[in-house]
PDB file of N, CA and C in Angstrom:
ATOM      1  N   UNK A   1       0.779  -1.166  -0.012  1.00  0.00           N
ATOM      2  CA  UNK A   1       0.148   0.067   0.042  1.00  0.00           C
ATOM      3  C   UNK A   1       0.909   1.202  -0.005  1.00  0.00           C
ATOM      4  N   UNK A   2       0.577   2.130  -0.847  1.00  0.00           N
ATOM      5  CA  UNK A   2       1.417   3.446  -0.867  1.00  0.00           C
ATOM      6  C   UNK A   2       1.187   4.308   0.195  1.00  0.00           C
ATOM      7  N   UNK A   3       2.191   4.967   0.725  1.00  0.00           N
ATOM      8  CA  UNK A   3       1.876   5.825   1.842  1.00  0.00           C
ATOM      9  C   UNK A   3       0.976   7.000   1.522  1.00  0.00           C
ATOM     10  N   UNK A   4       0.268   7.457   2.730  1.00  0.00           N
ATOM     11  CA  UNK A   4      -0.544   8.734   2.646  1.00  0.00           C
ATOM     12  C   UNK A   4       0.235   9.861   3.021  1.00  0.00           C
ATOM     13  N   UNK A   5      -0.142  11.093   2.769  1.00  0.00           N
ATOM     14  CA  UNK A   5       0.529  12.313   3.306  1.00  0.00           C
ATOM     15  C   UNK A   5       0.737  12.164   4.729  1.00  0.00           C
ATOM     16  N   UNK A   6       2.140  12.325   5.063  1.00  0.00           N
ATOM     17  CA  UNK A   6       2.364  12.274   6.482  1.00  0.00           C
ATOM     18  C   UNK A   6       2.055  13.559   7.226  1.00  0.00           C
ATOM     19  N   UNK A   7       1.873  13.341   8.510  1.00  0.00           N
ATOM     20  CA  UNK A   7       1.567  14.514   9.372  1.00  0.00           C
ATOM     21  C   UNK A   7       2.907  15.022  10.018  1.00  0.00           C
ATOM     22  N   UNK A   8       3.270  16.273   9.801  1.00  0.00           N
ATOM     23  CA  UNK A   8       4.518  16.791  10.403  1.00  0.00           C
ATOM     24  C   UNK A   8       4.182  17.632  11.523  1.00  0.00           C
ATOM     25  N   UNK A   9       5.032  17.581  12.541  1.00  0.00           N
ATOM     26  CA  UNK A   9       5.071  18.500  13.628  1.00  0.00           C
ATOM     27  C   UNK A   9       6.374  19.226  13.787  1.00  0.00           C
ATOM     28  N   UNK A  10       6.291  20.402  13.344  1.00  0.00           N
ATOM     29  CA  UNK A  10       7.460  21.261  13.473  1.00  0.00           C
ATOM     30  C   UNK A  10       7.113  22.550  14.247  1.00  0.00           C
ATOM     31  N   UNK A  11       7.958  22.912  15.284  1.00  0.00           N
ATOM     32  CA  UNK A  11       7.538  24.045  16.069  1.00  0.00           C
ATOM     33  C   UNK A  11       7.910  25.397  15.323  1.00  0.00           C
ATOM     34  N   UNK A  12       7.022  26.310  15.390  1.00  0.00           N
ATOM     35  CA  UNK A  12       7.256  27.623  14.660  1.00  0.00           C
ATOM     36  C   UNK A  12       8.357  28.468  15.077  1.00  0.00           C
ATOM     37  N   UNK A  13       8.692  28.218  16.420  1.00  0.00           N
ATOM     38  CA  UNK A  13       9.843  28.952  17.011  1.00  0.00           C
ATOM     39  C   UNK A  13      10.511  28.089  18.083  1.00  0.00           C
ATOM     40  N   UNK A  14      11.690  28.361  18.328  1.00  0.00           N
ATOM     41  CA  UNK A  14      12.543  27.637  19.381  1.00  0.00           C
ATOM     42  C   UNK A  14      13.648  28.612  19.794  1.00  0.00           C
ATOM     43  N   UNK A  15      13.882  28.452  21.021  1.00  0.00           N
ATOM     44  CA  UNK A  15      14.923  29.294  21.660  1.00  0.00           C
ATOM     45  C   UNK A  15      16.387  28.567  21.332  1.00  0.00           C
ATOM     46  N   UNK A  16      17.328  29.515  21.069  1.00  0.00           N
ATOM     47  CA  UNK A  16      18.622  28.906  20.793  1.00  0.00           C
ATOM     48  C   UNK A  16      19.194  28.219  22.075  1.00  0.00           C
ATOM     49  N   UNK A  17      19.739  26.918  21.763  1.00  0.00           N
ATOM     50  CA  UNK A  17      20.331  26.198  22.849  1.00  0.00           C
ATOM     51  C   UNK A  17      19.365  25.086  23.388  1.00  0.00           C
ATOM     52  N   UNK A  18      18.036  25.250  22.971  1.00  0.00           N
ATOM     53  CA  UNK A  18      17.090  24.284  23.448  1.00  0.00           C
ATOM     54  C   UNK A  18      17.000  22.953  22.563  1.00  0.00           C
ATOM     55  N   UNK A  19      16.429  21.907  23.199  1.00  0.00           N
ATOM     56  CA  UNK A  19      16.238  20.720  22.433  1.00  0.00           C
ATOM     57  C   UNK A  19      14.873  20.813  21.645  1.00  0.00           C
ATOM     58  N   UNK A  20      15.017  20.414  20.439  1.00  0.00           N
ATOM     59  CA  UNK A  20      13.807  20.472  19.620  1.00  0.00           C
ATOM     60  C   UNK A  20      13.660  19.158  18.813  1.00  0.00           C
ATOM     61  N   UNK A  21      12.447  18.682  19.059  1.00  0.00           N
ATOM     62  CA  UNK A  21      12.228  17.401  18.314  1.00  0.00           C
ATOM     63  C   UNK A  21      11.118  17.584  17.228  1.00  0.00           C
ATOM     64  N   UNK A  22      11.303  17.218  16.057  1.00  0.00           N
ATOM     65  CA  UNK A  22      10.237  17.374  15.088  1.00  0.00           C
ATOM     66  C   UNK A  22       9.783  15.879  14.624  1.00  0.00           C
ATOM     67  N   UNK A  23       8.441  15.748  14.430  1.00  0.00           N
ATOM     68  CA  UNK A  23       8.128  14.299  14.091  1.00  0.00           C
ATOM     69  C   UNK A  23       7.269  14.288  12.696  1.00  0.00           C
ATOM     70  N   UNK A  24       7.209  13.188  12.197  1.00  0.00           N
ATOM     71  CA  UNK A  24       6.704  12.877  10.837  1.00  0.00           C
ATOM     72  C   UNK A  24       6.049  11.369  10.853  1.00  0.00           C
ATOM     73  N   UNK A  25       4.899  11.385  10.581  1.00  0.00           N
ATOM     74  CA  UNK A  25       4.204  10.095  10.678  1.00  0.00           C
ATOM     75  C   UNK A  25       3.015   9.823   9.653  1.00  0.00           C
ATOM     76  N   UNK A  26       2.989   8.723   9.004  1.00  0.00           N
ATOM     77  CA  UNK A  26       1.819   8.341   8.482  1.00  0.00           C
ATOM     78  C   UNK A  26       1.553   6.798   8.623  1.00  0.00           C
ATOM     79  N   UNK A  27       0.258   6.475   8.661  1.00  0.00           N
ATOM     80  CA  UNK A  27      -0.035   5.113   9.027  1.00  0.00           C
ATOM     81  C   UNK A  27      -0.718   4.197   7.926  1.00  0.00           C
ATOM     82  N   UNK A  28      -0.783   4.545   6.794  1.00  0.00           N
ATOM     83  CA  UNK A  28      -1.378   3.720   5.812  1.00  0.00           C
ATOM     84  C   UNK A  28      -0.381   2.833   5.062  1.00  0.00           C
ATOM     85  N   UNK A  29       0.757   3.270   4.867  1.00  0.00           N
ATOM     86  CA  UNK A  29       1.709   2.634   3.960  1.00  0.00           C
ATOM     87  C   UNK A  29       2.170   1.163   4.556  1.00  0.00           C
ATOM     88  N   UNK A  30       2.210   0.226   3.702  1.00  0.00           N
ATOM     89  CA  UNK A  30       2.451  -1.060   4.091  1.00  0.00           C
ATOM     90  C   UNK A  30       3.414  -1.622   2.784  1.00  0.00           C
ATOM     91  N   UNK A  31       4.615  -1.936   2.955  1.00  0.00           N
ATOM     92  CA  UNK A  31       5.396  -1.980   4.339  1.00  0.00           C
ATOM     93  C   UNK A  31       5.422  -0.494   4.841  1.00  0.00           C
ATOM     94  N   UNK A  32       5.859  -0.497   6.126  1.00  0.00           N
ATOM     95  CA  UNK A  32       5.970   0.812   6.869  1.00  0.00           C
ATOM     96  C   UNK A  32       6.888   1.745   6.130  1.00  0.00           C
ATOM     97  N   UNK A  33       6.449   2.953   6.075  1.00  0.00           N
ATOM     98  CA  UNK A  33       7.374   3.917   5.366  1.00  0.00           C
ATOM     99  C   UNK A  33       8.629   4.292   6.001  1.00  0.00           C
ATOM    100  N   UNK A  34       9.552   4.914   5.315  1.00  0.00           N
ATOM    101  CA  UNK A  34      10.810   5.442   5.810  1.00  0.00           C
ATOM    102  C   UNK A  34      10.552   6.986   5.625  1.00  0.00           C
ATOM    103  N   UNK A  35      11.215   7.705   6.468  1.00  0.00           N
ATOM    104  CA  UNK A  35      10.940   9.256   6.423  1.00  0.00           C
ATOM    105  C   UNK A  35      12.218   9.927   6.190  1.00  0.00           C
ATOM    106  N   UNK A  36      12.141  10.854   5.311  1.00  0.00           N
ATOM    107  CA  UNK A  36      13.255  11.736   5.000  1.00  0.00           C
ATOM    108  C   UNK A  36      13.051  13.218   5.301  1.00  0.00           C
ATOM    109  N   UNK A  37      13.810  13.831   6.113  1.00  0.00           N
ATOM    110  CA  UNK A  37      13.484  15.240   6.422  1.00  0.00           C
ATOM    111  C   UNK A  37      14.289  16.059   5.402  1.00  0.00           C
ATOM    112  N   UNK A  38      13.774  17.293   4.951  1.00  0.00           N
ATOM    113  CA  UNK A  38      14.324  18.252   4.172  1.00  0.00           C
ATOM    114  C   UNK A  38      14.253  19.719   4.899  1.00  0.00           C
ATOM    115  N   UNK A  39      15.344  20.400   4.657  1.00  0.00           N
ATOM    116  CA  UNK A  39      15.445  21.614   5.213  1.00  0.00           C
ATOM    117  C   UNK A  39      15.730  22.592   3.926  1.00  0.00           C
ATOM    118  N   UNK A  40      14.754  23.613   3.746  1.00  0.00           N
ATOM    119  CA  UNK A  40      14.997  24.494   2.682  1.00  0.00           C
ATOM    120  C   UNK A  40      15.139  23.741   1.384  1.00  0.00           C
ATOM    121  N   UNK A  41      14.348  22.612   1.218  1.00  0.00           N
ATOM    122  CA  UNK A  41      14.316  21.875  -0.049  1.00  0.00           C
ATOM    123  C   UNK A  41      15.641  20.949  -0.199  1.00  0.00           C
ATOM    124  N   UNK A  42      16.510  20.982   0.670  1.00  0.00           N
ATOM    125  CA  UNK A  42      17.564  20.029   0.591  1.00  0.00           C
ATOM    126  C   UNK A  42      17.407  18.808   1.631  1.00  0.00           C
ATOM    127  N   UNK A  43      17.791  17.645   1.136  1.00  0.00           N
ATOM    128  CA  UNK A  43      17.576  16.403   1.984  1.00  0.00           C
ATOM    129  C   UNK A  43      18.756  16.582   3.085  1.00  0.00           C
ATOM    130  N   UNK A  44      18.259  16.343   4.252  1.00  0.00           N
ATOM    131  CA  UNK A  44      19.143  16.250   5.409  1.00  0.00           C
ATOM    132  C   UNK A  44      19.830  15.032   5.413  1.00  0.00           C
ATOM    133  N   UNK A  45      21.241  14.974   5.873  1.00  0.00           N
ATOM    134  CA  UNK A  45      21.981  13.708   5.840  1.00  0.00           C
ATOM    135  C   UNK A  45      21.608  12.944   7.159  1.00  0.00           C
ATOM    136  N   UNK A  46      21.626  11.703   6.984  1.00  0.00           N
ATOM    137  CA  UNK A  46      21.398  10.886   8.296  1.00  0.00           C
ATOM    138  C   UNK A  46      22.631  10.558   8.976  1.00  0.00           C
ATOM    139  N   UNK A  47      22.745  10.904  10.244  1.00  0.00           N
ATOM    140  CA  UNK A  47      23.984  10.878  10.986  1.00  0.00           C
ATOM    141  C   UNK A  47      24.324   9.471  11.193  1.00  0.00           C
ATOM    142  N   UNK A  48      25.415   9.011  10.823  1.00  0.00           N
ATOM    143  CA  UNK A  48      25.843   7.565  10.933  1.00  0.00           C
ATOM    144  C   UNK A  48      26.721   7.409  12.126  1.00  0.00           C
ATOM    145  N   UNK A  49      27.050   8.340  12.884  1.00  0.00           N
ATOM    146  CA  UNK A  49      28.046   8.120  13.952  1.00  0.00           C
ATOM    147  C   UNK A  49      29.456   8.154  13.618  1.00  0.00           C
ATOM    148  N   UNK A  50      29.712   8.377  12.416  1.00  0.00           N
ATOM    149  CA  UNK A  50      31.185   8.476  11.928  1.00  0.00           C
ATOM    150  C   UNK A  50      31.685   9.839  12.129  1.00  0.00           C
ATOM    151  N   UNK A  51      32.949  10.086  11.780  1.00  0.00           N
ATOM    152  CA  UNK A  51      33.567  11.501  12.067  1.00  0.00           C
ATOM    153  C   UNK A  51      33.137  12.466  11.038  1.00  0.00           C
ATOM    154  N   UNK A  52      32.605  11.988   9.818  1.00  0.00           N
ATOM    155  CA  UNK A  52      32.201  12.861   8.713  1.00  0.00           C
ATOM    156  C   UNK A  52      30.954  13.727   9.218  1.00  0.00           C
ATOM    157  N   UNK A  53      30.073  13.080   9.907  1.00  0.00           N
ATOM    158  CA  UNK A  53      29.051  14.007  10.533  1.00  0.00           C
ATOM    159  C   UNK A  53      29.485  15.110  11.241  1.00  0.00           C
ATOM    160  N   UNK A  54      30.334  14.926  12.159  1.00  0.00           N
ATOM    161  CA  UNK A  54      30.860  16.044  12.902  1.00  0.00           C
ATOM    162  C   UNK A  54      31.580  16.905  12.040  1.00  0.00           C
ATOM    163  N   UNK A  55      32.232  16.508  11.026  1.00  0.00           N
ATOM    164  CA  UNK A  55      32.872  17.445  10.206  1.00  0.00           C
ATOM    165  C   UNK A  55      31.962  18.374   9.387  1.00  0.00           C
ATOM    166  N   UNK A  56      30.839  17.713   9.185  1.00  0.00           N
ATOM    167  CA  UNK A  56      29.822  18.467   8.297  1.00  0.00           C
ATOM    168  C   UNK A  56      28.910  19.492   9.215  1.00  0.00           C
ATOM    169  N   UNK A  57      29.264  19.374  10.598  1.00  0.00           N
ATOM    170  CA  UNK A  57      28.682  20.235  11.532  1.00  0.00           C
ATOM    171  C   UNK A  57      27.138  19.924  11.641  1.00  0.00           C
ATOM    172  N   UNK A  58      26.851  18.622  11.784  1.00  0.00           N
ATOM    173  CA  UNK A  58      25.461  18.238  11.694  1.00  0.00           C
ATOM    174  C   UNK A  58      25.149  18.222  13.390  1.00  0.00           C
ATOM    175  N   UNK A  59      24.057  18.885  13.720  1.00  0.00           N
ATOM    176  CA  UNK A  59      23.692  18.958  15.116  1.00  0.00           C
ATOM    177  C   UNK A  59      22.446  18.348  15.326  1.00  0.00           C
ATOM    178  N   UNK A  60      21.985  17.399  14.514  1.00  0.00           N
ATOM    179  CA  UNK A  60      20.790  16.853  14.723  1.00  0.00           C
ATOM    180  C   UNK A  60      20.901  15.303  14.531  1.00  0.00           C
ATOM    181  N   UNK A  61      19.811  14.588  14.883  1.00  0.00           N
ATOM    182  CA  UNK A  61      19.823  13.041  14.670  1.00  0.00           C
ATOM    183  C   UNK A  61      18.491  12.843  14.036  1.00  0.00           C
ATOM    184  N   UNK A  62      18.422  12.278  12.807  1.00  0.00           N
ATOM    185  CA  UNK A  62      17.374  11.901  12.074  1.00  0.00           C
ATOM    186  C   UNK A  62      17.249  10.347  12.178  1.00  0.00           C
ATOM    187  N   UNK A  63      15.962   9.981  12.385  1.00  0.00           N
ATOM    188  CA  UNK A  63      15.736   8.560  12.534  1.00  0.00           C
ATOM    189  C   UNK A  63      14.667   8.318  11.357  1.00  0.00           C
ATOM    190  N   UNK A  64      15.209   7.460  10.239  1.00  0.00           N
ATOM    191  CA  UNK A  64      14.341   7.296   9.184  1.00  0.00           C
ATOM    192  C   UNK A  64      13.170   6.368   9.334  1.00  0.00           C
ATOM    193  N   UNK A  65      13.302   5.478  10.414  1.00  0.00           N
ATOM    194  CA  UNK A  65      12.198   4.616  10.704  1.00  0.00           C
ATOM    195  C   UNK A  65      11.115   5.288  11.457  1.00  0.00           C
ATOM    196  N   UNK A  66      11.487   5.991  12.430  1.00  0.00           N
ATOM    197  CA  UNK A  66      10.459   6.574  13.489  1.00  0.00           C
ATOM    198  C   UNK A  66      10.020   8.002  12.816  1.00  0.00           C
ATOM    199  N   UNK A  67      10.813   8.658  11.887  1.00  0.00           N
ATOM    200  CA  UNK A  67      10.330   9.908  11.449  1.00  0.00           C
ATOM    201  C   UNK A  67      10.719  11.028  12.362  1.00  0.00           C
ATOM    202  N   UNK A  68      11.439  10.849  13.261  1.00  0.00           N
ATOM    203  CA  UNK A  68      11.866  11.973  14.231  1.00  0.00           C
ATOM    204  C   UNK A  68      13.109  12.664  13.621  1.00  0.00           C
ATOM    205  N   UNK A  69      13.147  13.931  13.949  1.00  0.00           N
ATOM    206  CA  UNK A  69      14.267  14.691  13.701  1.00  0.00           C
ATOM    207  C   UNK A  69      14.610  15.504  14.959  1.00  0.00           C
ATOM    208  N   UNK A  70      15.750  15.296  15.739  1.00  0.00           N
ATOM    209  CA  UNK A  70      16.002  15.753  16.959  1.00  0.00           C
ATOM    210  C   UNK A  70      17.217  16.626  16.906  1.00  0.00           C
ATOM    211  N   UNK A  71      17.113  17.848  17.296  1.00  0.00           N
ATOM    212  CA  UNK A  71      18.169  18.632  17.575  1.00  0.00           C
ATOM    213  C   UNK A  71      18.606  18.845  19.041  1.00  0.00           C
ATOM    214  N   UNK A  72      19.707  18.434  19.444  1.00  0.00           N
ATOM    215  CA  UNK A  72      20.220  18.441  20.767  1.00  0.00           C
ATOM    216  C   UNK A  72      20.243  19.967  21.386  1.00  0.00           C
ATOM    217  N   UNK A  73      20.775  20.750  20.346  1.00  0.00           N
ATOM    218  CA  UNK A  73      20.857  22.316  20.878  1.00  0.00           C
ATOM    219  C   UNK A  73      20.605  22.936  19.505  1.00  0.00           C
ATOM    220  N   UNK A  74      19.428  23.733  19.419  1.00  0.00           N
ATOM    221  CA  UNK A  74      19.278  24.407  18.102  1.00  0.00           C
ATOM    222  C   UNK A  74      20.222  25.737  18.055  1.00  0.00           C
ATOM    223  N   UNK A  75      20.525  26.178  16.861  1.00  0.00           N
ATOM    224  CA  UNK A  75      21.275  27.318  16.759  1.00  0.00           C
ATOM    225  C   UNK A  75      20.594  28.241  15.646  1.00  0.00           C
ATOM    226  N   UNK A  76      20.855  29.466  15.504  1.00  0.00           N
ATOM    227  CA  UNK A  76      20.318  30.247  14.592  1.00  0.00           C
ATOM    228  C   UNK A  76      20.348  29.593  13.149  1.00  0.00           C
ATOM    229  N   UNK A  77      21.434  28.830  13.066  1.00  0.00           N
ATOM    230  CA  UNK A  77      21.597  28.194  11.599  1.00  0.00           C
ATOM    231  C   UNK A  77      20.517  27.154  11.367  1.00  0.00           C
ATOM    232  N   UNK A  78      19.846  26.690  12.337  1.00  0.00           N
ATOM    233  CA  UNK A  78      18.737  25.748  12.137  1.00  0.00           C
ATOM    234  C   UNK A  78      17.424  26.433  11.700  1.00  0.00           C
ATOM    235  N   UNK A  79      17.304  27.757  11.665  1.00  0.00           N
ATOM    236  CA  UNK A  79      16.256  28.391  11.195  1.00  0.00           C
ATOM    237  C   UNK A  79      15.999  28.065   9.841  1.00  0.00           C
ATOM    238  N   UNK A  80      14.760  27.876   9.342  1.00  0.00           N
ATOM    239  CA  UNK A  80      14.448  27.461   7.872  1.00  0.00           C
ATOM    240  C   UNK A  80      13.132  26.804   7.707  1.00  0.00           C
ATOM    241  N   UNK A  81      12.942  26.326   6.483  1.00  0.00           N
ATOM    242  CA  UNK A  81      11.736  25.725   6.056  1.00  0.00           C
ATOM    243  C   UNK A  81      11.941  24.277   6.135  1.00  0.00           C
ATOM    244  N   UNK A  82      11.150  23.468   6.847  1.00  0.00           N
ATOM    245  CA  UNK A  82      11.311  21.891   6.958  1.00  0.00           C
ATOM    246  C   UNK A  82       9.935  21.286   6.491  1.00  0.00           C
ATOM    247  N   UNK A  83      10.313  20.202   5.852  1.00  0.00           N
ATOM    248  CA  UNK A  83       9.213  19.191   5.457  1.00  0.00           C
ATOM    249  C   UNK A  83       9.784  17.803   5.504  1.00  0.00           C
ATOM    250  N   UNK A  84       8.918  16.813   5.625  1.00  0.00           N
ATOM    251  CA  UNK A  84       9.379  15.470   5.544  1.00  0.00           C
ATOM    252  C   UNK A  84       8.559  14.535   4.400  1.00  0.00           C
ATOM    253  N   UNK A  85       9.261  13.606   4.117  1.00  0.00           N
ATOM    254  CA  UNK A  85       8.709  12.824   2.907  1.00  0.00           C
ATOM    255  C   UNK A  85       8.611  11.393   3.374  1.00  0.00           C
ATOM    256  N   UNK A  86       7.488  10.687   3.118  1.00  0.00           N
ATOM    257  CA  UNK A  86       7.331   9.417   3.563  1.00  0.00           C
ATOM    258  C   UNK A  86       7.249   8.425   2.185  1.00  0.00           C
ATOM    259  N   UNK A  87       8.163   7.363   2.161  1.00  0.00           N
ATOM    260  CA  UNK A  87       8.142   6.496   1.030  1.00  0.00           C
ATOM    261  C   UNK A  87       8.466   5.070   1.508  1.00  0.00           C
ATOM    262  N   UNK A  88       7.674   4.300   0.888  1.00  0.00           N
ATOM    263  CA  UNK A  88       7.873   2.733   1.067  1.00  0.00           C
ATOM    264  C   UNK A  88       8.261   1.925  -0.083  1.00  0.00           C
ATOM    265  N   UNK A  89       8.619   2.472  -1.154  1.00  0.00           N
ATOM    266  CA  UNK A  89       8.894   1.883  -2.575  1.00  0.00           C
ATOM    267  C   UNK A  89       7.581   1.569  -3.275  1.00  0.00           C
ATOM    268  N   UNK A  90       6.437   1.889  -2.809  1.00  0.00           N
ATOM    269  CA  UNK A  90       5.239   1.441  -3.438  1.00  0.00           C
ATOM    270  C   UNK A  90       4.368   2.833  -3.822  1.00  0.00           C
ATOM    271  N   UNK A  91       4.198   2.954  -5.049  1.00  0.00           N
ATOM    272  CA  UNK A  91       3.425   4.229  -5.378  1.00  0.00           C
ATOM    273  C   UNK A  91       4.337   5.385  -5.193  1.00  0.00           C
ATOM    274  N   UNK A  92       3.753   6.551  -5.236  1.00  0.00           N
ATOM    275  CA  UNK A  92       4.547   7.859  -5.114  1.00  0.00           C
ATOM    276  C   UNK A  92       4.825   8.209  -3.605  1.00  0.00           C
ATOM    277  N   UNK A  93       5.938   8.816  -3.414  1.00  0.00           N
ATOM    278  CA  UNK A  93       6.406   9.180  -2.103  1.00  0.00           C
ATOM    279  C   UNK A  93       5.385  10.341  -1.790  1.00  0.00           C
ATOM    280  N   UNK A  94       5.111  10.601  -0.476  1.00  0.00           N
ATOM    281  CA  UNK A  94       4.222  11.670  -0.005  1.00  0.00           C
ATOM    282  C   UNK A  94       5.007  12.647   0.930  1.00  0.00           C
ATOM    283  N   UNK A  95       4.721  13.892   0.746  1.00  0.00           N
ATOM    284  CA  UNK A  95       5.387  14.785   1.788  1.00  0.00           C
ATOM    285  C   UNK A  95       4.343  15.799   2.281  1.00  0.00           C
ATOM    286  N   UNK A  96       4.671  16.129   3.584  1.00  0.00           N
ATOM    287  CA  UNK A  96       3.876  17.061   4.247  1.00  0.00           C
ATOM    288  C   UNK A  96       4.064  18.581   3.725  1.00  0.00           C
ATOM    289  N   UNK A  97       3.237  19.506   4.172  1.00  0.00           N
ATOM    290  CA  UNK A  97       3.520  20.800   3.692  1.00  0.00           C
ATOM    291  C   UNK A  97       4.605  21.376   4.483  1.00  0.00           C
ATOM    292  N   UNK A  98       5.238  22.465   3.807  1.00  0.00           N
ATOM    293  CA  UNK A  98       6.381  23.058   4.419  1.00  0.00           C
ATOM    294  C   UNK A  98       6.129  23.921   5.664  1.00  0.00           C
ATOM    295  N   UNK A  99       6.882  23.729   6.774  1.00  0.00           N
ATOM    296  CA  UNK A  99       6.657  24.495   7.919  1.00  0.00           C
ATOM    297  C   UNK A  99       7.986  25.196   8.263  1.00  0.00           C
ATOM    298  N   UNK A 100       7.854  26.458   8.654  1.00  0.00           N
ATOM    299  CA  UNK A 100       9.041  27.210   9.002  1.00  0.00           C
ATOM    300  C   UNK A 100       9.251  27.167  10.455  1.00  0.00           C
ATOM    301  N   UNK A 101      10.470  27.001  10.711  1.00  0.00           N
ATOM    302  CA  UNK A 101      10.909  27.147  12.219  1.00  0.00           C
ATOM    303  C   UNK A 101      11.904  28.288  12.373  1.00  0.00           C
ATOM    304  N   UNK A 102      11.543  29.315  13.298  1.00  0.00           N
ATOM    305  CA  UNK A 102      12.383  30.346  13.570  1.00  0.00           C
ATOM    306  C   UNK A 102      13.183  30.135  14.857  1.00  0.00           C
ATOM    307  N   UNK A 103      14.481  30.297  14.780  1.00  0.00           N
ATOM    308  CA  UNK A 103      15.307  30.013  16.097  1.00  0.00           C
ATOM    309  C   UNK A 103      15.674  31.405  16.576  1.00  0.00           C
TER     310      UNK A 103
END
C-alpha cells in the first residue's frame, strides 16, 4: 500500500540552545514508510555516527524509521523551512506541507 500524506510536527519557533524534536508520521503505508527530512528543499543527511557527520557540523539526529528529527541544541543556523517525505517503495512518495521554524 502506498503511503498517505504524512503529518509533520515542526515548532514555529525555538530558543537557541534548547532541544527540539520534530516528528513525521503516516499510518497507511505497507510496508511501513521510511521518512526523509528536508530543510529549505535540501535532503538532510542521516547521521551515521562517523567522524564525517561531525565534520559536516551536523547538530541533529534523524531517524528514518520513526520519522523523528532531534536537535540537541538548536542554533540560529537551524532556522529554515522544513518538511518530511514518506516513502515505502510503493506508489509515489508523499510529503507534508512546508513549515518554517524560527530560532
